[in-house]
Amino acid sequence: MADGALRGTRLGTLSYETDEGVRFADRQTVFYDCSCGITIELPFSMEAEMPAVWECRCGAEALLRGADWPEKKAQKPQRTHWDMLLERRSIPELEELLDESLEILRSGVDDFHASGK
């Protein structure tokens, strides 16, 4: 090899850092209880704020041991197609449209498509 050539290390997980002098954060073990009977054990930093609810592996919510269930936030009800229709038309208008459509259907299906409705 020529002088001054750079030498590299092999690919992989070779690290020149050591754990000497590293002080890990103080930890505490926190338990969450699920309604299906599963207990979840998680390490948290002593300075961390633990959430009152944690998602269990079964998909349900697990409660922090010794905590109360947090209040559920009020959610806006989902708008249905009927709600959106009522925003555009009144009940009498809808009844009139229904009567017209039924009359066209009763007279023949081809007329319904020809009317463009």
PDB file of N, CA and C in Angstrom:
ATOM      1  N   MET A   1       0.832  -1.195   0.000  1.00  0.00           N
ATOM      2  CA  MET A   1       0.000   0.000   0.000  1.00  0.00           C
ATOM      3  C   MET A   1       0.866   1.244   0.000  1.00  0.00           C
ATOM      4  N   ALA A   2       0.366   2.243  -0.594  1.00  0.00           N
ATOM      5  CA  ALA A   2       1.105   3.494  -0.674  1.00  0.00           C
ATOM      6  C   ALA A   2       1.032   4.213   0.662  1.00  0.00           C
ATOM      7  N   ASP A   3       2.058   4.971   0.950  1.00  0.00           N
ATOM      8  CA  ASP A   3       2.050   5.763   2.183  1.00  0.00           C
ATOM      9  C   ASP A   3       0.967   6.835   2.080  1.00  0.00           C
ATOM     10  N   GLY A   4       0.304   7.100   3.174  1.00  0.00           N
ATOM     11  CA  GLY A   4      -0.722   8.120   3.200  1.00  0.00           C
ATOM     12  C   GLY A   4      -2.095   7.607   2.789  1.00  0.00           C
ATOM     13  N   ALA A   5      -2.172   6.323   2.453  1.00  0.00           N
ATOM     14  CA  ALA A   5      -3.470   5.774   2.077  1.00  0.00           C
ATOM     15  C   ALA A   5      -4.328   5.623   3.329  1.00  0.00           C
ATOM     16  N   LEU A   6      -5.589   5.888   3.181  1.00  0.00           N
ATOM     17  CA  LEU A   6      -6.500   5.762   4.310  1.00  0.00           C
ATOM     18  C   LEU A   6      -6.866   4.301   4.500  1.00  0.00           C
ATOM     19  N   ARG A   7      -6.857   3.884   5.716  1.00  0.00           N
ATOM     20  CA  ARG A   7      -7.288   2.529   6.016  1.00  0.00           C
ATOM     21  C   ARG A   7      -8.631   2.598   6.711  1.00  0.00           C
ATOM     22  N   GLY A   8      -9.555   1.785   6.259  1.00  0.00           N
ATOM     23  CA  GLY A   8     -10.876   1.767   6.872  1.00  0.00           C
ATOM     24  C   GLY A   8     -11.045   0.529   7.734  1.00  0.00           C
ATOM     25  N   THR A   9     -12.147   0.442   8.369  1.00  0.00           N
ATOM     26  CA  THR A   9     -12.475  -0.764   9.134  1.00  0.00           C
ATOM     27  C   THR A   9     -13.505  -1.547   8.346  1.00  0.00           C
ATOM     28  N   ARG A  10     -13.699  -2.757   8.744  1.00  0.00           N
ATOM     29  CA  ARG A  10     -14.661  -3.594   8.032  1.00  0.00           C
ATOM     30  C   ARG A  10     -16.087  -3.136   8.314  1.00  0.00           C
ATOM     31  N   LEU A  11     -16.986  -3.540   7.463  1.00  0.00           N
ATOM     32  CA  LEU A  11     -18.389  -3.217   7.679  1.00  0.00           C
ATOM     33  C   LEU A  11     -18.925  -4.045   8.832  1.00  0.00           C
ATOM     34  N   GLY A  12     -19.843  -3.505   9.540  1.00  0.00           N
ATOM     35  CA  GLY A  12     -20.429  -4.251  10.646  1.00  0.00           C
ATOM     36  C   GLY A  12     -20.696  -3.345  11.816  1.00  0.00           C
ATOM     37  N   THR A  13     -20.773  -3.941  12.975  1.00  0.00           N
ATOM     38  CA  THR A  13     -21.147  -3.187  14.166  1.00  0.00           C
ATOM     39  C   THR A  13     -19.958  -2.908  15.066  1.00  0.00           C
ATOM     40  N   LEU A  14     -18.806  -2.759  14.488  1.00  0.00           N
ATOM     41  CA  LEU A  14     -17.617  -2.457  15.271  1.00  0.00           C
ATOM     42  C   LEU A  14     -17.686  -1.012  15.751  1.00  0.00           C
ATOM     43  N   SER A  15     -17.605  -0.831  17.049  1.00  0.00           N
ATOM     44  CA  SER A  15     -17.680   0.503  17.624  1.00  0.00           C
ATOM     45  C   SER A  15     -16.503   0.712  18.544  1.00  0.00           C
ATOM     46  N   TYR A  16     -15.965   1.906  18.508  1.00  0.00           N
ATOM     47  CA  TYR A  16     -14.831   2.223  19.371  1.00  0.00           C
ATOM     48  C   TYR A  16     -15.272   2.889  20.667  1.00  0.00           C
ATOM     49  N   GLU A  17     -16.571   3.054  20.838  1.00  0.00           N
ATOM     50  CA  GLU A  17     -17.080   3.642  22.069  1.00  0.00           C
ATOM     51  C   GLU A  17     -17.267   2.550  23.106  1.00  0.00           C
ATOM     52  N   THR A  18     -17.067   2.911  24.356  1.00  0.00           N
ATOM     53  CA  THR A  18     -17.277   1.964  25.451  1.00  0.00           C
ATOM     54  C   THR A  18     -18.302   2.548  26.412  1.00  0.00           C
ATOM     55  N   ASP A  19     -18.760   1.711  27.324  1.00  0.00           N
ATOM     56  CA  ASP A  19     -19.721   2.160  28.325  1.00  0.00           C
ATOM     57  C   ASP A  19     -19.037   2.711  29.570  1.00  0.00           C
ATOM     58  N   GLU A  20     -17.751   2.866  29.522  1.00  0.00           N
ATOM     59  CA  GLU A  20     -17.030   3.389  30.677  1.00  0.00           C
ATOM     60  C   GLU A  20     -17.411   4.847  30.902  1.00  0.00           C
ATOM     61  N   GLY A  21     -17.727   5.174  32.136  1.00  0.00           N
ATOM     62  CA  GLY A  21     -18.056   6.538  32.494  1.00  0.00           C
ATOM     63  C   GLY A  21     -19.472   6.955  32.118  1.00  0.00           C
ATOM     64  N   VAL A  22     -20.244   6.066  31.526  1.00  0.00           N
ATOM     65  CA  VAL A  22     -21.621   6.394  31.155  1.00  0.00           C
ATOM     66  C   VAL A  22     -22.519   6.112  32.348  1.00  0.00           C
ATOM     67  N   ARG A  23     -23.301   7.092  32.733  1.00  0.00           N
ATOM     68  CA  ARG A  23     -24.233   6.914  33.846  1.00  0.00           C
ATOM     69  C   ARG A  23     -25.635   6.911  33.271  1.00  0.00           C
ATOM     70  N   PHE A  24     -26.294   5.771  33.392  1.00  0.00           N
ATOM     71  CA  PHE A  24     -27.644   5.647  32.864  1.00  0.00           C
ATOM     72  C   PHE A  24     -28.634   6.381  33.764  1.00  0.00           C
ATOM     73  N   ALA A  25     -29.717   6.838  33.160  1.00  0.00           N
ATOM     74  CA  ALA A  25     -30.748   7.546  33.913  1.00  0.00           C
ATOM     75  C   ALA A  25     -31.410   6.581  34.895  1.00  0.00           C
ATOM     76  N   ASP A  26     -31.784   7.126  36.051  1.00  0.00           N
ATOM     77  CA  ASP A  26     -32.482   6.311  37.029  1.00  0.00           C
ATOM     78  C   ASP A  26     -33.825   5.904  36.446  1.00  0.00           C
ATOM     79  N   ARG A  27     -34.170   4.656  36.657  1.00  0.00           N
ATOM     80  CA  ARG A  27     -35.404   4.124  36.074  1.00  0.00           C
ATOM     81  C   ARG A  27     -36.317   3.570  37.145  1.00  0.00           C
ATOM     82  N   GLN A  28     -37.585   3.496  36.772  1.00  0.00           N
ATOM     83  CA  GLN A  28     -38.588   2.863  37.626  1.00  0.00           C
ATOM     84  C   GLN A  28     -39.444   1.949  36.754  1.00  0.00           C
ATOM     85  N   THR A  29     -39.945   0.892  37.325  1.00  0.00           N
ATOM     86  CA  THR A  29     -40.803  -0.027  36.597  1.00  0.00           C
ATOM     87  C   THR A  29     -42.250   0.335  36.900  1.00  0.00           C
ATOM     88  N   VAL A  30     -43.043   0.479  35.854  1.00  0.00           N
ATOM     89  CA  VAL A  30     -44.441   0.889  35.976  1.00  0.00           C
ATOM     90  C   VAL A  30     -45.306  -0.240  35.431  1.00  0.00           C
ATOM     91  N   PHE A  31     -46.436  -0.484  36.083  1.00  0.00           N
ATOM     92  CA  PHE A  31     -47.335  -1.563  35.685  1.00  0.00           C
ATOM     93  C   PHE A  31     -48.649  -1.000  35.167  1.00  0.00           C
ATOM     94  N   TYR A  32     -49.117  -1.585  34.067  1.00  0.00           N
ATOM     95  CA  TYR A  32     -50.414  -1.259  33.484  1.00  0.00           C
ATOM     96  C   TYR A  32     -51.248  -2.528  33.478  1.00  0.00           C
ATOM     97  N   ASP A  33     -52.504  -2.423  33.904  1.00  0.00           N
ATOM     98  CA  ASP A  33     -53.403  -3.576  33.957  1.00  0.00           C
ATOM     99  C   ASP A  33     -54.488  -3.430  32.900  1.00  0.00           C
ATOM    100  N   CYS A  34     -54.630  -4.468  32.081  1.00  0.00           N
ATOM    101  CA  CYS A  34     -55.640  -4.482  31.024  1.00  0.00           C
ATOM    102  C   CYS A  34     -56.878  -5.203  31.540  1.00  0.00           C
ATOM    103  N   SER A  35     -58.027  -4.872  30.978  1.00  0.00           N
ATOM    104  CA  SER A  35     -59.274  -5.501  31.403  1.00  0.00           C
ATOM    105  C   SER A  35     -59.323  -6.980  31.023  1.00  0.00           C
ATOM    106  N   CYS A  36     -58.481  -7.413  30.075  1.00  0.00           N
ATOM    107  CA  CYS A  36     -58.473  -8.824  29.681  1.00  0.00           C
ATOM    108  C   CYS A  36     -57.560  -9.662  30.575  1.00  0.00           C
ATOM    109  N   GLY A  37     -56.927  -9.044  31.568  1.00  0.00           N
ATOM    110  CA  GLY A  37     -56.109  -9.780  32.524  1.00  0.00           C
ATOM    111  C   GLY A  37     -54.611  -9.692  32.273  1.00  0.00           C
ATOM    112  N   ILE A  38     -54.187  -9.003  31.238  1.00  0.00           N
ATOM    113  CA  ILE A  38     -52.762  -8.878  30.933  1.00  0.00           C
ATOM    114  C   ILE A  38     -52.168  -7.742  31.756  1.00  0.00           C
ATOM    115  N   THR A  39     -50.984  -7.984  32.330  1.00  0.00           N
ATOM    116  CA  THR A  39     -50.244  -6.954  33.050  1.00  0.00           C
ATOM    117  C   THR A  39     -49.046  -6.558  32.208  1.00  0.00           C
ATOM    118  N   ILE A  40     -48.904  -5.274  31.954  1.00  0.00           N
ATOM    119  CA  ILE A  40     -47.797  -4.755  31.158  1.00  0.00           C
ATOM    120  C   ILE A  40     -46.797  -4.116  32.107  1.00  0.00           C
ATOM    121  N   GLU A  41     -45.530  -4.472  31.950  1.00  0.00           N
ATOM    122  CA  GLU A  41     -44.463  -3.946  32.801  1.00  0.00           C
ATOM    123  C   GLU A  41     -43.517  -3.139  31.912  1.00  0.00           C
ATOM    124  N   LEU A  42     -43.407  -1.830  32.185  1.00  0.00           N
ATOM    125  CA  LEU A  42     -42.600  -0.942  31.346  1.00  0.00           C
ATOM    126  C   LEU A  42     -41.608  -0.149  32.189  1.00  0.00           C
ATOM    127  N   PRO A  43     -40.379  -0.002  31.702  1.00  0.00           N
ATOM    128  CA  PRO A  43     -39.419   0.860  32.397  1.00  0.00           C
ATOM    129  C   PRO A  43     -39.568   2.306  31.932  1.00  0.00           C
ATOM    130  N   PHE A  44     -39.603   3.221  32.875  1.00  0.00           N
ATOM    131  CA  PHE A  44     -39.671   4.654  32.581  1.00  0.00           C
ATOM    132  C   PHE A  44     -38.572   5.350  33.370  1.00  0.00           C
ATOM    133  N   SER A  45     -38.124   6.470  32.865  1.00  0.00           N
ATOM    134  CA  SER A  45     -37.188   7.301  33.597  1.00  0.00           C
ATOM    135  C   SER A  45     -37.900   7.834  34.843  1.00  0.00           C
ATOM    136  N   MET A  46     -37.130   8.074  35.886  1.00  0.00           N
ATOM    137  CA  MET A  46     -37.718   8.620  37.119  1.00  0.00           C
ATOM    138  C   MET A  46     -38.305  10.009  36.862  1.00  0.00           C
ATOM    139  N   GLU A  47     -37.776  10.724  35.867  1.00  0.00           N
ATOM    140  CA  GLU A  47     -38.239  12.072  35.573  1.00  0.00           C
ATOM    141  C   GLU A  47     -39.412  12.093  34.597  1.00  0.00           C
ATOM    142  N   ALA A  48     -39.718  10.957  33.983  1.00  0.00           N
ATOM    143  CA  ALA A  48     -40.769  10.922  32.956  1.00  0.00           C
ATOM    144  C   ALA A  48     -42.154  10.982  33.584  1.00  0.00           C
ATOM    145  N   GLU A  49     -43.074  11.568  32.819  1.00  0.00           N
ATOM    146  CA  GLU A  49     -44.474  11.593  33.235  1.00  0.00           C
ATOM    147  C   GLU A  49     -45.159  10.406  32.569  1.00  0.00           C
ATOM    148  N   MET A  50     -45.668   9.486  33.371  1.00  0.00           N
ATOM    149  CA  MET A  50     -46.284   8.274  32.829  1.00  0.00           C
ATOM    150  C   MET A  50     -47.707   8.566  32.351  1.00  0.00           C
ATOM    151  N   PRO A  51     -48.068   8.087  31.160  1.00  0.00           N
ATOM    152  CA  PRO A  51     -49.451   8.252  30.708  1.00  0.00           C
ATOM    153  C   PRO A  51     -50.375   7.363  31.533  1.00  0.00           C
ATOM    154  N   ALA A  52     -51.593   7.800  31.747  1.00  0.00           N
ATOM    155  CA  ALA A  52     -52.547   7.028  32.542  1.00  0.00           C
ATOM    156  C   ALA A  52     -53.041   5.798  31.797  1.00  0.00           C
ATOM    157  N   VAL A  53     -52.993   5.853  30.463  1.00  0.00           N
ATOM    158  CA  VAL A  53     -53.493   4.744  29.646  1.00  0.00           C
ATOM    159  C   VAL A  53     -52.406   4.329  28.660  1.00  0.00           C
ATOM    160  N   TRP A  54     -52.251   3.009  28.484  1.00  0.00           N
ATOM    161  CA  TRP A  54     -51.279   2.452  27.547  1.00  0.00           C
ATOM    162  C   TRP A  54     -51.996   1.407  26.706  1.00  0.00           C
ATOM    163  N   GLU A  55     -51.674   1.326  25.421  1.00  0.00           N
ATOM    164  CA  GLU A  55     -52.338   0.341  24.563  1.00  0.00           C
ATOM    165  C   GLU A  55     -51.764  -1.045  24.827  1.00  0.00           C
ATOM    166  N   CYS A  56     -52.653  -1.977  25.140  1.00  0.00           N
ATOM    167  CA  CYS A  56     -52.269  -3.354  25.418  1.00  0.00           C
ATOM    168  C   CYS A  56     -52.028  -4.085  24.111  1.00  0.00           C
ATOM    169  N   ARG A  57     -51.316  -5.198  24.160  1.00  0.00           N
ATOM    170  CA  ARG A  57     -51.061  -5.973  22.939  1.00  0.00           C
ATOM    171  C   ARG A  57     -52.332  -6.628  22.402  1.00  0.00           C
ATOM    172  N   CYS A  58     -53.380  -6.712  23.226  1.00  0.00           N
ATOM    173  CA  CYS A  58     -54.654  -7.267  22.754  1.00  0.00           C
ATOM    174  C   CYS A  58     -55.479  -6.209  22.028  1.00  0.00           C
ATOM    175  N   GLY A  59     -55.038  -4.951  22.060  1.00  0.00           N
ATOM    176  CA  GLY A  59     -55.738  -3.873  21.371  1.00  0.00           C
ATOM    177  C   GLY A  59     -56.576  -3.003  22.297  1.00  0.00           C
ATOM    178  N   ALA A  60     -56.834  -3.472  23.503  1.00  0.00           N
ATOM    179  CA  ALA A  60     -57.623  -2.696  24.457  1.00  0.00           C
ATOM    180  C   ALA A  60     -56.711  -1.689  25.171  1.00  0.00           C
ATOM    181  N   GLU A  61     -57.309  -0.856  25.987  1.00  0.00           N
ATOM    182  CA  GLU A  61     -56.537   0.119  26.754  1.00  0.00           C
ATOM    183  C   GLU A  61     -56.246  -0.443  28.137  1.00  0.00           C
ATOM    184  N   ALA A  62     -54.998  -0.313  28.554  1.00  0.00           N
ATOM    185  CA  ALA A  62     -54.586  -0.746  29.890  1.00  0.00           C
ATOM    186  C   ALA A  62     -54.418   0.489  30.760  1.00  0.00           C
ATOM    187  N   LEU A  63     -54.836   0.376  32.013  1.00  0.00           N
ATOM    188  CA  LEU A  63     -54.806   1.504  32.947  1.00  0.00           C
ATOM    189  C   LEU A  63     -53.584   1.403  33.852  1.00  0.00           C
ATOM    190  N   LEU A  64     -52.947   2.537  34.097  1.00  0.00           N
ATOM    191  CA  LEU A  64     -51.820   2.611  35.015  1.00  0.00           C
ATOM    192  C   LEU A  64     -52.282   2.147  36.386  1.00  0.00           C
ATOM    193  N   ARG A  65     -51.528   1.234  36.976  1.00  0.00           N
ATOM    194  CA  ARG A  65     -51.915   0.675  38.272  1.00  0.00           C
ATOM    195  C   ARG A  65     -51.983   1.796  39.315  1.00  0.00           C
ATOM    196  N   GLY A  66     -53.130   1.894  39.981  1.00  0.00           N
ATOM    197  CA  GLY A  66     -53.342   2.900  41.011  1.00  0.00           C
ATOM    198  C   GLY A  66     -53.890   4.212  40.484  1.00  0.00           C
ATOM    199  N   ALA A  67     -54.138   4.307  39.199  1.00  0.00           N
ATOM    200  CA  ALA A  67     -54.660   5.554  38.615  1.00  0.00           C
ATOM    201  C   ALA A  67     -56.142   5.409  38.285  1.00  0.00           C
ATOM    202  N   ASP A  68     -56.789   6.532  38.077  1.00  0.00           N
ATOM    203  CA  ASP A  68     -58.190   6.552  37.654  1.00  0.00           C
ATOM    204  C   ASP A  68     -58.244   6.779  36.153  1.00  0.00           C
ATOM    205  N   TRP A  69     -59.334   6.300  35.546  1.00  0.00           N
ATOM    206  CA  TRP A  69     -59.512   6.500  34.113  1.00  0.00           C
ATOM    207  C   TRP A  69     -59.645   7.990  33.831  1.00  0.00           C
ATOM    208  N   PRO A  70     -58.915   8.502  32.838  1.00  0.00           N
ATOM    209  CA  PRO A  70     -59.056   9.924  32.490  1.00  0.00           C
ATOM    210  C   PRO A  70     -60.409  10.161  31.832  1.00  0.00           C
ATOM    211  N   GLU A  71     -60.877  11.400  31.941  1.00  0.00           N
ATOM    212  CA  GLU A  71     -62.159  11.752  31.335  1.00  0.00           C
ATOM    213  C   GLU A  71     -62.028  11.713  29.815  1.00  0.00           C
ATOM    214  N   LYS A  72     -63.028  11.159  29.184  1.00  0.00           N
ATOM    215  CA  LYS A  72     -63.039  11.093  27.717  1.00  0.00           C
ATOM    216  C   LYS A  72     -63.359  12.481  27.165  1.00  0.00           C
ATOM    217  N   LYS A  73     -62.652  12.857  26.119  1.00  0.00           N
ATOM    218  CA  LYS A  73     -62.907  14.140  25.471  1.00  0.00           C
ATOM    219  C   LYS A  73     -64.208  14.040  24.689  1.00  0.00           C
ATOM    220  N   ALA A  74     -64.962  15.113  24.738  1.00  0.00           N
ATOM    221  CA  ALA A  74     -66.219  15.145  23.986  1.00  0.00           C
ATOM    222  C   ALA A  74     -65.897  15.162  22.499  1.00  0.00           C
ATOM    223  N   GLN A  75     -66.511  14.244  21.769  1.00  0.00           N
ATOM    224  CA  GLN A  75     -66.271  14.173  20.336  1.00  0.00           C
ATOM    225  C   GLN A  75     -67.516  14.583  19.585  1.00  0.00           C
ATOM    226  N   LYS A  76     -67.289  15.253  18.481  1.00  0.00           N
ATOM    227  CA  LYS A  76     -68.389  15.661  17.639  1.00  0.00           C
ATOM    228  C   LYS A  76     -68.955  14.412  16.959  1.00  0.00           C
ATOM    229  N   PRO A  77     -70.272  14.239  16.974  1.00  0.00           N
ATOM    230  CA  PRO A  77     -70.821  13.052  16.317  1.00  0.00           C
ATOM    231  C   PRO A  77     -70.551  13.098  14.816  1.00  0.00           C
ATOM    232  N   GLN A  78     -70.337  11.931  14.251  1.00  0.00           N
ATOM    233  CA  GLN A  78     -70.047  11.855  12.830  1.00  0.00           C
ATOM    234  C   GLN A  78     -71.287  12.185  12.016  1.00  0.00           C
ATOM    235  N   ARG A  79     -71.100  13.004  10.999  1.00  0.00           N
ATOM    236  CA  ARG A  79     -72.223  13.378  10.136  1.00  0.00           C
ATOM    237  C   ARG A  79     -72.543  12.227   9.196  1.00  0.00           C
ATOM    238  N   THR A  80     -73.824  11.902   9.099  1.00  0.00           N
ATOM    239  CA  THR A  80     -74.263  10.857   8.197  1.00  0.00           C
ATOM    240  C   THR A  80     -74.699  11.474   6.870  1.00  0.00           C
ATOM    241  N   HIS A  81     -74.983  10.629   5.897  1.00  0.00           N
ATOM    242  CA  HIS A  81     -75.474  11.112   4.614  1.00  0.00           C
ATOM    243  C   HIS A  81     -76.812  11.836   4.797  1.00  0.00           C
ATOM    244  N   TRP A  82     -77.618  11.319   5.705  1.00  0.00           N
ATOM    245  CA  TRP A  82     -78.924  11.935   5.972  1.00  0.00           C
ATOM    246  C   TRP A  82     -78.739  13.351   6.517  1.00  0.00           C
ATOM    247  N   ASP A  83     -77.783  13.523   7.434  1.00  0.00           N
ATOM    248  CA  ASP A  83     -77.516  14.858   7.982  1.00  0.00           C
ATOM    249  C   ASP A  83     -77.092  15.840   6.888  1.00  0.00           C
ATOM    250  N   MET A  84     -76.218  15.379   5.992  1.00  0.00           N
ATOM    251  CA  MET A  84     -75.762  16.256   4.914  1.00  0.00           C
ATOM    252  C   MET A  84     -76.892  16.566   3.936  1.00  0.00           C
ATOM    253  N   LEU A  85     -77.761  15.601   3.707  1.00  0.00           N
ATOM    254  CA  LEU A  85     -78.906  15.831   2.828  1.00  0.00           C
ATOM    255  C   LEU A  85     -79.858  16.864   3.427  1.00  0.00           C
ATOM    256  N   LEU A  86     -80.076  16.768   4.743  1.00  0.00           N
ATOM    257  CA  LEU A  86     -80.966  17.722   5.413  1.00  0.00           C
ATOM    258  C   LEU A  86     -80.388  19.135   5.451  1.00  0.00           C
ATOM    259  N   GLU A  87     -79.070  19.262   5.274  1.00  0.00           N
ATOM    260  CA  GLU A  87     -78.474  20.591   5.200  1.00  0.00           C
ATOM    261  C   GLU A  87     -78.808  21.276   3.877  1.00  0.00           C
ATOM    262  N   ARG A  88     -79.056  20.458   2.832  1.00  0.00           N
ATOM    263  CA  ARG A  88     -79.323  21.013   1.499  1.00  0.00           C
ATOM    264  C   ARG A  88     -80.807  21.127   1.178  1.00  0.00           C
ATOM    265  N   ARG A  89     -81.630  20.232   1.736  1.00  0.00           N
ATOM    266  CA  ARG A  89     -83.048  20.201   1.378  1.00  0.00           C
ATOM    267  C   ARG A  89     -83.909  20.046   2.630  1.00  0.00           C
ATOM    268  N   SER A  90     -85.140  20.543   2.533  1.00  0.00           N
ATOM    269  CA  SER A  90     -86.088  20.378   3.642  1.00  0.00           C
ATOM    270  C   SER A  90     -86.863  19.075   3.430  1.00  0.00           C
ATOM    271  N   ILE A  91     -87.576  18.635   4.458  1.00  0.00           N
ATOM    272  CA  ILE A  91     -88.371  17.396   4.375  1.00  0.00           C
ATOM    273  C   ILE A  91     -89.452  17.505   3.293  1.00  0.00           C
ATOM    274  N   PRO A  92     -90.196  18.611   3.200  1.00  0.00           N
ATOM    275  CA  PRO A  92     -91.192  18.706   2.110  1.00  0.00           C
ATOM    276  C   PRO A  92     -90.558  18.610   0.718  1.00  0.00           C
ATOM    277  N   GLU A  93     -89.376  19.231   0.538  1.00  0.00           N
ATOM    278  CA  GLU A  93     -88.695  19.126  -0.760  1.00  0.00           C
ATOM    279  C   GLU A  93     -88.305  17.680  -1.056  1.00  0.00           C
ATOM    280  N   LEU A  94     -87.827  16.973  -0.049  1.00  0.00           N
ATOM    281  CA  LEU A  94     -87.430  15.577  -0.229  1.00  0.00           C
ATOM    282  C   LEU A  94     -88.637  14.699  -0.554  1.00  0.00           C
ATOM    283  N   GLU A  95     -89.762  14.976   0.104  1.00  0.00           N
ATOM    284  CA  GLU A  95     -90.973  14.210  -0.185  1.00  0.00           C
ATOM    285  C   GLU A  95     -91.433  14.447  -1.619  1.00  0.00           C
ATOM    286  N   GLU A  96     -91.343  15.691  -2.076  1.00  0.00           N
ATOM    287  CA  GLU A  96     -91.729  16.013  -3.445  1.00  0.00           C
ATOM    288  C   GLU A  96     -90.824  15.295  -4.454  1.00  0.00           C
ATOM    289  N   LEU A  97     -89.503  15.303  -4.206  1.00  0.00           N
ATOM    290  CA  LEU A  97     -88.573  14.602  -5.091  1.00  0.00           C
ATOM    291  C   LEU A  97     -88.818  13.094  -5.095  1.00  0.00           C
ATOM    292  N   LEU A  98     -89.137  12.556  -3.942  1.00  0.00           N
ATOM    293  CA  LEU A  98     -89.430  11.123  -3.851  1.00  0.00           C
ATOM    294  C   LEU A  98     -90.667  10.778  -4.667  1.00  0.00           C
ATOM    295  N   ASP A  99     -91.710  11.577  -4.528  1.00  0.00           N
ATOM    296  CA  ASP A  99     -92.936  11.326  -5.290  1.00  0.00           C
ATOM    297  C   ASP A  99     -92.680  11.393  -6.795  1.00  0.00           C
ATOM    298  N   GLU A 100     -91.908  12.392  -7.234  1.00  0.00           N
ATOM    299  CA  GLU A 100     -91.590  12.509  -8.658  1.00  0.00           C
ATOM    300  C   GLU A 100     -90.803  11.296  -9.147  1.00  0.00           C
ATOM    301  N   SER A 101     -89.800  10.881  -8.367  1.00  0.00           N
ATOM    302  CA  SER A 101     -88.974   9.739  -8.764  1.00  0.00           C
ATOM    303  C   SER A 101     -89.786   8.457  -8.799  1.00  0.00           C
ATOM    304  N   LEU A 102     -90.678   8.259  -7.823  1.00  0.00           N
ATOM    305  CA  LEU A 102     -91.519   7.062  -7.811  1.00  0.00           C
ATOM    306  C   LEU A 102     -92.468   7.045  -9.000  1.00  0.00           C
ATOM    307  N   GLU A 103     -92.994   8.211  -9.347  1.00  0.00           N
ATOM    308  CA  GLU A 103     -93.897   8.296 -10.493  1.00  0.00           C
ATOM    309  C   GLU A 103     -93.169   7.930 -11.789  1.00  0.00           C
ATOM    310  N   ILE A 104     -91.956   8.426 -11.939  1.00  0.00           N
ATOM    311  CA  ILE A 104     -91.152   8.104 -13.131  1.00  0.00           C
ATOM    312  C   ILE A 104     -90.832   6.608 -13.163  1.00  0.00           C
ATOM    313  N   LEU A 105     -90.444   6.040 -12.021  1.00  0.00           N
ATOM    314  CA  LEU A 105     -90.121   4.612 -11.972  1.00  0.00           C
ATOM    315  C   LEU A 105     -91.337   3.745 -12.300  1.00  0.00           C
ATOM    316  N   ARG A 106     -92.484   4.136 -11.803  1.00  0.00           N
ATOM    317  CA  ARG A 106     -93.692   3.345 -12.049  1.00  0.00           C
ATOM    318  C   ARG A 106     -94.102   3.411 -13.518  1.00  0.00           C
ATOM    319  N   SER A 107     -93.790   4.514 -14.190  1.00  0.00           N
ATOM    320  CA  SER A 107     -94.176   4.648 -15.597  1.00  0.00           C
ATOM    321  C   SER A 107     -93.240   3.860 -16.516  1.00  0.00           C
ATOM    322  N   GLY A 108     -92.044   3.550 -16.069  1.00  0.00           N
ATOM    323  CA  GLY A 108     -91.090   2.770 -16.868  1.00  0.00           C
ATOM    324  C   GLY A 108     -89.670   3.178 -16.548  1.00  0.00           C
ATOM    325  N   VAL A 109     -88.788   2.202 -16.510  1.00  0.00           N
ATOM    326  CA  VAL A 109     -87.395   2.455 -16.139  1.00  0.00           C
ATOM    327  C   VAL A 109     -86.692   3.297 -17.190  1.00  0.00           C
ATOM    328  N   ASP A 110     -86.986   3.108 -18.476  1.00  0.00           N
ATOM    329  CA  ASP A 110     -86.311   3.868 -19.530  1.00  0.00           C
ATOM    330  C   ASP A 110     -86.575   5.360 -19.397  1.00  0.00           C
ATOM    331  N   ASP A 111     -87.800   5.725 -18.971  1.00  0.00           N
ATOM    332  CA  ASP A 111     -88.126   7.144 -18.787  1.00  0.00           C
ATOM    333  C   ASP A 111     -87.293   7.763 -17.684  1.00  0.00           C
ATOM    334  N   PHE A 112     -86.977   6.962 -16.651  1.00  0.00           N
ATOM    335  CA  PHE A 112     -86.205   7.472 -15.512  1.00  0.00           C
ATOM    336  C   PHE A 112     -84.803   7.880 -15.970  1.00  0.00           C
ATOM    337  N   HIS A 113     -84.158   7.036 -16.791  1.00  0.00           N
ATOM    338  CA  HIS A 113     -82.813   7.345 -17.261  1.00  0.00           C
ATOM    339  C   HIS A 113     -82.839   8.488 -18.271  1.00  0.00           C
ATOM    340  N   ALA A 114     -83.894   8.575 -19.042  1.00  0.00           N
ATOM    341  CA  ALA A 114     -83.993   9.638 -20.042  1.00  0.00           C
ATOM    342  C   ALA A 114     -84.225  10.996 -19.402  1.00  0.00           C
ATOM    343  N   SER A 115     -84.822  11.004 -18.205  1.00  0.00           N
ATOM    344  CA  SER A 115     -85.105  12.281 -17.559  1.00  0.00           C
ATOM    345  C   SER A 115     -83.853  12.944 -16.992  1.00  0.00           C
ATOM    346  N   GLY A 116     -82.753  12.149 -16.846  1.00  0.00           N
ATOM    347  CA  GLY A 116     -81.485  12.718 -16.375  1.00  0.00           C
ATOM    348  C   GLY A 116     -81.374  12.807 -14.876  1.00  0.00           C
ATOM    349  N   LYS A 117     -82.228  12.119 -14.137  1.00  0.00           N
ATOM    350  CA  LYS A 117     -82.150  12.170 -12.667  1.00  0.00           C
ATOM    351  C   LYS A 117     -81.284  11.073 -12.134  1.00  0.00           C
TER     352      LYS A 117
END
